[in-house]
């Protein structure tokens, strides 16, 4: 599955999985202000085997996403 030019605005992402998904120009914006609650929710998102461009990767790393098992394309 590919997500291209997708904006996850106001999405509840706690415990979501993006395993094996390709992300290109994807943004994640919180449903609430940038708080510890949002950062904790992003840490529960799984990106195992996901592929993403540099822009999407940088955006996720900037808000604390765990991208250890993802790869850059």
PDB file of N, CA and C in Angstrom:
ATOM      1  N   UNK A   1       0.852  -1.168   0.000  1.00  0.00           N
ATOM      2  CA  UNK A   1       0.000   0.000   0.000  1.00  0.00           C
ATOM      3  C   UNK A   1       0.897   1.230   0.000  1.00  0.00           C
ATOM      4  N   UNK A   2       0.490   2.243  -0.726  1.00  0.00           N
ATOM      5  CA  UNK A   2       1.243   3.491  -0.802  1.00  0.00           C
ATOM      6  C   UNK A   2       0.391   4.638  -0.293  1.00  0.00           C
ATOM      7  N   UNK A   3       1.015   5.490   0.516  1.00  0.00           N
ATOM      8  CA  UNK A   3       0.399   6.750   0.928  1.00  0.00           C
ATOM      9  C   UNK A   3       1.208   7.858   0.275  1.00  0.00           C
ATOM     10  N   UNK A   4       0.611   8.541  -0.684  1.00  0.00           N
ATOM     11  CA  UNK A   4       1.291   9.616  -1.400  1.00  0.00           C
ATOM     12  C   UNK A   4       0.492  10.893  -1.214  1.00  0.00           C
ATOM     13  N   UNK A   5       1.165  11.953  -0.733  1.00  0.00           N
ATOM     14  CA  UNK A   5       0.537  13.250  -0.474  1.00  0.00           C
ATOM     15  C   UNK A   5      -0.648  13.140   0.487  1.00  0.00           C
ATOM     16  N   UNK A   6      -0.476  12.377   1.551  1.00  0.00           N
ATOM     17  CA  UNK A   6      -1.536  12.180   2.544  1.00  0.00           C
ATOM     18  C   UNK A   6      -1.228  13.012   3.779  1.00  0.00           C
ATOM     19  N   UNK A   7      -2.255  13.623   4.324  1.00  0.00           N
ATOM     20  CA  UNK A   7      -2.117  14.387   5.570  1.00  0.00           C
ATOM     21  C   UNK A   7      -2.973  13.712   6.638  1.00  0.00           C
ATOM     22  N   UNK A   8      -2.337  13.255   7.680  1.00  0.00           N
ATOM     23  CA  UNK A   8      -3.044  12.672   8.811  1.00  0.00           C
ATOM     24  C   UNK A   8      -3.289  13.789   9.821  1.00  0.00           C
ATOM     25  N   UNK A   9      -4.243  14.657   9.526  1.00  0.00           N
ATOM     26  CA  UNK A   9      -4.584  15.766  10.417  1.00  0.00           C
ATOM     27  C   UNK A   9      -5.677  15.320  11.376  1.00  0.00           C
ATOM     28  N   UNK A  10      -5.484  15.617  12.632  1.00  0.00           N
ATOM     29  CA  UNK A  10      -6.468  15.298  13.669  1.00  0.00           C
ATOM     30  C   UNK A  10      -6.794  13.811  13.724  1.00  0.00           C
ATOM     31  N   UNK A  11      -5.810  12.981  13.423  1.00  0.00           N
ATOM     32  CA  UNK A  11      -6.028  11.534  13.434  1.00  0.00           C
ATOM     33  C   UNK A  11      -5.552  10.941  14.754  1.00  0.00           C
ATOM     34  N   UNK A  12      -6.322  10.024  15.282  1.00  0.00           N
ATOM     35  CA  UNK A  12      -5.926   9.303  16.491  1.00  0.00           C
ATOM     36  C   UNK A  12      -5.060   8.127  16.038  1.00  0.00           C
ATOM     37  N   UNK A  13      -3.766   8.209  16.249  1.00  0.00           N
ATOM     38  CA  UNK A  13      -2.835   7.219  15.727  1.00  0.00           C
ATOM     39  C   UNK A  13      -2.305   6.253  16.778  1.00  0.00           C
ATOM     40  N   UNK A  14      -2.784   6.324  17.984  1.00  0.00           N
ATOM     41  CA  UNK A  14      -2.278   5.448  19.043  1.00  0.00           C
ATOM     42  C   UNK A  14      -2.430   3.990  18.624  1.00  0.00           C
ATOM     43  N   UNK A  15      -1.316   3.267  18.676  1.00  0.00           N
ATOM     44  CA  UNK A  15      -1.229   1.844  18.362  1.00  0.00           C
ATOM     45  C   UNK A  15      -1.602   1.509  16.922  1.00  0.00           C
ATOM     46  N   UNK A  16      -1.467   2.461  16.006  1.00  0.00           N
ATOM     47  CA  UNK A  16      -1.691   2.201  14.582  1.00  0.00           C
ATOM     48  C   UNK A  16      -0.481   1.467  14.015  1.00  0.00           C
ATOM     49  N   UNK A  17      -0.671   0.741  12.919  1.00  0.00           N
ATOM     50  CA  UNK A  17       0.440   0.053  12.272  1.00  0.00           C
ATOM     51  C   UNK A  17       0.514   0.476  10.814  1.00  0.00           C
ATOM     52  N   UNK A  18       1.727   0.767  10.382  1.00  0.00           N
ATOM     53  CA  UNK A  18       2.014   1.092   8.996  1.00  0.00           C
ATOM     54  C   UNK A  18       3.072   0.120   8.486  1.00  0.00           C
ATOM     55  N   UNK A  19       2.900  -1.157   8.764  1.00  0.00           N
ATOM     56  CA  UNK A  19       3.879  -2.171   8.403  1.00  0.00           C
ATOM     57  C   UNK A  19       3.868  -2.404   6.895  1.00  0.00           C
ATOM     58  N   UNK A  20       5.039  -2.260   6.276  1.00  0.00           N
ATOM     59  CA  UNK A  20       5.179  -2.509   4.851  1.00  0.00           C
ATOM     60  C   UNK A  20       4.569  -1.444   3.958  1.00  0.00           C
ATOM     61  N   UNK A  21       4.246  -0.298   4.489  1.00  0.00           N
ATOM     62  CA  UNK A  21       3.599   0.775   3.737  1.00  0.00           C
ATOM     63  C   UNK A  21       4.669   1.740   3.220  1.00  0.00           C
ATOM     64  N   UNK A  22       4.441   2.306   2.033  1.00  0.00           N
ATOM     65  CA  UNK A  22       5.331   3.320   1.480  1.00  0.00           C
ATOM     66  C   UNK A  22       4.725   4.688   1.721  1.00  0.00           C
ATOM     67  N   UNK A  23       5.504   5.595   2.323  1.00  0.00           N
ATOM     68  CA  UNK A  23       5.063   6.963   2.625  1.00  0.00           C
ATOM     69  C   UNK A  23       5.844   7.931   1.745  1.00  0.00           C
ATOM     70  N   UNK A  24       5.132   8.754   0.994  1.00  0.00           N
ATOM     71  CA  UNK A  24       5.769   9.808   0.199  1.00  0.00           C
ATOM     72  C   UNK A  24       4.999  11.099   0.419  1.00  0.00           C
ATOM     73  N   UNK A  25       5.707  12.096   0.928  1.00  0.00           N
ATOM     74  CA  UNK A  25       5.121  13.401   1.222  1.00  0.00           C
ATOM     75  C   UNK A  25       3.921  13.270   2.168  1.00  0.00           C
ATOM     76  N   UNK A  26       4.131  12.579   3.261  1.00  0.00           N
ATOM     77  CA  UNK A  26       3.090  12.335   4.262  1.00  0.00           C
ATOM     78  C   UNK A  26       3.360  13.218   5.475  1.00  0.00           C
ATOM     79  N   UNK A  27       2.304  13.811   6.023  1.00  0.00           N
ATOM     80  CA  UNK A  27       2.463  14.629   7.224  1.00  0.00           C
ATOM     81  C   UNK A  27       1.527  14.132   8.314  1.00  0.00           C
ATOM     82  N   UNK A  28       1.967  14.282   9.544  1.00  0.00           N
ATOM     83  CA  UNK A  28       1.205  13.879  10.716  1.00  0.00           C
ATOM     84  C   UNK A  28       1.003  15.109  11.582  1.00  0.00           C
ATOM     85  N   UNK A  29      -0.232  15.504  11.780  1.00  0.00           N
ATOM     86  CA  UNK A  29      -0.535  16.671  12.621  1.00  0.00           C
ATOM     87  C   UNK A  29      -1.463  16.223  13.740  1.00  0.00           C
ATOM     88  N   UNK A  30      -1.202  16.699  14.939  1.00  0.00           N
ATOM     89  CA  UNK A  30      -1.966  16.215  16.096  1.00  0.00           C
ATOM     90  C   UNK A  30      -3.392  16.749  16.137  1.00  0.00           C
ATOM     91  N   UNK A  31      -4.246  15.983  16.793  1.00  0.00           N
ATOM     92  CA  UNK A  31      -5.630  16.407  17.019  1.00  0.00           C
ATOM     93  C   UNK A  31      -5.692  17.432  18.142  1.00  0.00           C
ATOM     94  N   UNK A  32      -4.621  17.562  18.874  1.00  0.00           N
ATOM     95  CA  UNK A  32      -4.543  18.493  19.997  1.00  0.00           C
ATOM     96  C   UNK A  32      -3.164  19.128  19.974  1.00  0.00           C
ATOM     97  N   UNK A  33      -2.909  20.045  20.839  1.00  0.00           N
ATOM     98  CA  UNK A  33      -1.621  20.745  20.872  1.00  0.00           C
ATOM     99  C   UNK A  33      -0.473  19.758  21.083  1.00  0.00           C
ATOM    100  N   UNK A  34       0.706  20.136  20.644  1.00  0.00           N
ATOM    101  CA  UNK A  34       1.878  19.288  20.825  1.00  0.00           C
ATOM    102  C   UNK A  34       2.186  19.164  22.310  1.00  0.00           C
ATOM    103  N   UNK A  35       1.777  18.050  22.860  1.00  0.00           N
ATOM    104  CA  UNK A  35       1.976  17.796  24.282  1.00  0.00           C
ATOM    105  C   UNK A  35       2.648  16.436  24.443  1.00  0.00           C
ATOM    106  N   UNK A  36       2.986  16.114  25.656  1.00  0.00           N
ATOM    107  CA  UNK A  36       3.564  14.796  25.925  1.00  0.00           C
ATOM    108  C   UNK A  36       2.601  13.683  25.535  1.00  0.00           C
ATOM    109  N   UNK A  37       1.323  13.930  25.633  1.00  0.00           N
ATOM    110  CA  UNK A  37       0.317  12.927  25.256  1.00  0.00           C
ATOM    111  C   UNK A  37       0.452  12.560  23.782  1.00  0.00           C
ATOM    112  N   UNK A  38       0.661  13.553  22.916  1.00  0.00           N
ATOM    113  CA  UNK A  38       0.832  13.304  21.480  1.00  0.00           C
ATOM    114  C   UNK A  38       2.121  12.539  21.214  1.00  0.00           C
ATOM    115  N   UNK A  39       3.215  12.922  21.873  1.00  0.00           N
ATOM    116  CA  UNK A  39       4.485  12.243  21.674  1.00  0.00           C
ATOM    117  C   UNK A  39       4.418  10.794  22.139  1.00  0.00           C
ATOM    118  N   UNK A  40       3.730  10.535  23.252  1.00  0.00           N
ATOM    119  CA  UNK A  40       3.561   9.154  23.723  1.00  0.00           C
ATOM    120  C   UNK A  40       2.728   8.341  22.750  1.00  0.00           C
ATOM    121  N   UNK A  41       1.697   8.944  22.155  1.00  0.00           N
ATOM    122  CA  UNK A  41       0.861   8.239  21.182  1.00  0.00           C
ATOM    123  C   UNK A  41       1.670   7.872  19.943  1.00  0.00           C
ATOM    124  N   UNK A  42       2.534   8.752  19.486  1.00  0.00           N
ATOM    125  CA  UNK A  42       3.349   8.463  18.303  1.00  0.00           C
ATOM    126  C   UNK A  42       4.354   7.356  18.556  1.00  0.00           C
ATOM    127  N   UNK A  43       4.805   7.214  19.780  1.00  0.00           N
ATOM    128  CA  UNK A  43       5.755   6.153  20.091  1.00  0.00           C
ATOM    129  C   UNK A  43       5.106   4.769  20.008  1.00  0.00           C
ATOM    130  N   UNK A  44       3.779   4.683  20.046  1.00  0.00           N
ATOM    131  CA  UNK A  44       3.094   3.399  19.947  1.00  0.00           C
ATOM    132  C   UNK A  44       2.801   3.005  18.504  1.00  0.00           C
ATOM    133  N   UNK A  45       3.041   3.895  17.550  1.00  0.00           N
ATOM    134  CA  UNK A  45       2.785   3.610  16.133  1.00  0.00           C
ATOM    135  C   UNK A  45       3.905   2.725  15.600  1.00  0.00           C
ATOM    136  N   UNK A  46       3.546   1.687  14.856  1.00  0.00           N
ATOM    137  CA  UNK A  46       4.521   0.739  14.323  1.00  0.00           C
ATOM    138  C   UNK A  46       4.798   1.041  12.848  1.00  0.00           C
ATOM    139  N   UNK A  47       6.083   1.210  12.518  1.00  0.00           N
ATOM    140  CA  UNK A  47       6.513   1.451  11.145  1.00  0.00           C
ATOM    141  C   UNK A  47       7.436   0.330  10.663  1.00  0.00           C
ATOM    142  N   UNK A  48       7.225  -0.903  11.131  1.00  0.00           N
ATOM    143  CA  UNK A  48       8.084  -2.032  10.752  1.00  0.00           C
ATOM    144  C   UNK A  48       7.993  -2.294   9.251  1.00  0.00           C
ATOM    145  N   UNK A  49       9.132  -2.270   8.596  1.00  0.00           N
ATOM    146  CA  UNK A  49       9.186  -2.551   7.163  1.00  0.00           C
ATOM    147  C   UNK A  49       8.654  -1.435   6.290  1.00  0.00           C
ATOM    148  N   UNK A  50       8.329  -0.295   6.871  1.00  0.00           N
ATOM    149  CA  UNK A  50       7.805   0.824   6.092  1.00  0.00           C
ATOM    150  C   UNK A  50       8.934   1.507   5.336  1.00  0.00           C
ATOM    151  N   UNK A  51       8.600   2.050   4.175  1.00  0.00           N
ATOM    152  CA  UNK A  51       9.541   2.818   3.386  1.00  0.00           C
ATOM    153  C   UNK A  51       9.023   4.233   3.304  1.00  0.00           C
ATOM    154  N   UNK A  52       9.934   5.210   3.385  1.00  0.00           N
ATOM    155  CA  UNK A  52       9.480   6.599   3.326  1.00  0.00           C
ATOM    156  C   UNK A  52      10.543   7.489   2.731  1.00  0.00           C
ATOM    157  N   UNK A  53      10.088   8.604   2.181  1.00  0.00           N
ATOM    158  CA  UNK A  53      11.020   9.578   1.640  1.00  0.00           C
ATOM    159  C   UNK A  53      11.634  10.378   2.780  1.00  0.00           C
ATOM    160  N   UNK A  54      12.637  11.181   2.453  1.00  0.00           N
ATOM    161  CA  UNK A  54      13.354  11.932   3.485  1.00  0.00           C
ATOM    162  C   UNK A  54      12.468  12.943   4.186  1.00  0.00           C
ATOM    163  N   UNK A  55      11.559  13.567   3.462  1.00  0.00           N
ATOM    164  CA  UNK A  55      10.678  14.566   4.055  1.00  0.00           C
ATOM    165  C   UNK A  55       9.758  13.942   5.108  1.00  0.00           C
ATOM    166  N   UNK A  56       9.143  12.824   4.764  1.00  0.00           N
ATOM    167  CA  UNK A  56       8.251  12.145   5.715  1.00  0.00           C
ATOM    168  C   UNK A  56       9.025  11.628   6.916  1.00  0.00           C
ATOM    169  N   UNK A  57      10.212  11.099   6.667  1.00  0.00           N
ATOM    170  CA  UNK A  57      11.055  10.584   7.748  1.00  0.00           C
ATOM    171  C   UNK A  57      11.449  11.696   8.707  1.00  0.00           C
ATOM    172  N   UNK A  58      11.861  12.836   8.159  1.00  0.00           N
ATOM    173  CA  UNK A  58      12.268  13.961   9.004  1.00  0.00           C
ATOM    174  C   UNK A  58      11.103  14.489   9.826  1.00  0.00           C
ATOM    175  N   UNK A  59       9.916  14.540   9.222  1.00  0.00           N
ATOM    176  CA  UNK A  59       8.736  15.019   9.943  1.00  0.00           C
ATOM    177  C   UNK A  59       8.396  14.092  11.108  1.00  0.00           C
ATOM    178  N   UNK A  60       8.484  12.793  10.884  1.00  0.00           N
ATOM    179  CA  UNK A  60       8.170  11.843  11.950  1.00  0.00           C
ATOM    180  C   UNK A  60       9.233  11.833  13.042  1.00  0.00           C
ATOM    181  N   UNK A  61      10.487  11.925  12.661  1.00  0.00           N
ATOM    182  CA  UNK A  61      11.550  11.968  13.665  1.00  0.00           C
ATOM    183  C   UNK A  61      11.453  13.237  14.502  1.00  0.00           C
ATOM    184  N   UNK A  62      11.005  14.324  13.879  1.00  0.00           N
ATOM    185  CA  UNK A  62      10.875  15.593  14.593  1.00  0.00           C
ATOM    186  C   UNK A  62       9.845  15.565  15.694  1.00  0.00           C
ATOM    187  N   UNK A  63       8.861  14.693  15.578  1.00  0.00           N
ATOM    188  CA  UNK A  63       7.834  14.599  16.615  1.00  0.00           C
ATOM    189  C   UNK A  63       7.987  13.328  17.443  1.00  0.00           C
ATOM    190  N   UNK A  64       9.124  12.654  17.296  1.00  0.00           N
ATOM    191  CA  UNK A  64       9.409  11.525  18.178  1.00  0.00           C
ATOM    192  C   UNK A  64       8.947  10.177  17.693  1.00  0.00           C
ATOM    193  N   UNK A  65       8.679  10.021  16.407  1.00  0.00           N
ATOM    194  CA  UNK A  65       8.266   8.718  15.886  1.00  0.00           C
ATOM    195  C   UNK A  65       9.412   7.717  15.915  1.00  0.00           C
ATOM    196  N   UNK A  66       9.111   6.456  16.153  1.00  0.00           N
ATOM    197  CA  UNK A  66      10.122   5.400  16.229  1.00  0.00           C
ATOM    198  C   UNK A  66      10.262   4.771  14.838  1.00  0.00           C
ATOM    199  N   UNK A  67      11.338   5.114  14.140  1.00  0.00           N
ATOM    200  CA  UNK A  67      11.530   4.665  12.763  1.00  0.00           C
ATOM    201  C   UNK A  67      12.718   3.717  12.619  1.00  0.00           C
ATOM    202  N   UNK A  68      13.043   3.000  13.661  1.00  0.00           N
ATOM    203  CA  UNK A  68      14.214   2.129  13.634  1.00  0.00           C
ATOM    204  C   UNK A  68      14.097   1.031  12.594  1.00  0.00           C
ATOM    205  N   UNK A  69      12.918   0.506  12.356  1.00  0.00           N
ATOM    206  CA  UNK A  69      12.751  -0.607  11.427  1.00  0.00           C
ATOM    207  C   UNK A  69      12.238  -0.162  10.065  1.00  0.00           C
ATOM    208  N   UNK A  70      12.232   1.138   9.810  1.00  0.00           N
ATOM    209  CA  UNK A  70      11.822   1.665   8.516  1.00  0.00           C
ATOM    210  C   UNK A  70      13.036   1.954   7.652  1.00  0.00           C
ATOM    211  N   UNK A  71      12.821   2.139   6.339  1.00  0.00           N
ATOM    212  CA  UNK A  71      13.913   2.429   5.428  1.00  0.00           C
ATOM    213  C   UNK A  71      13.601   3.657   4.596  1.00  0.00           C
ATOM    214  N   UNK A  72      14.643   4.359   4.188  1.00  0.00           N
ATOM    215  CA  UNK A  72      14.504   5.518   3.320  1.00  0.00           C
ATOM    216  C   UNK A  72      14.483   5.081   1.865  1.00  0.00           C
ATOM    217  N   UNK A  73      13.698   5.815   1.078  1.00  0.00           N
ATOM    218  CA  UNK A  73      13.686   5.536  -0.372  1.00  0.00           C
ATOM    219  C   UNK A  73      14.175   6.754  -1.117  1.00  0.00           C
TER     220      UNK A  73
END
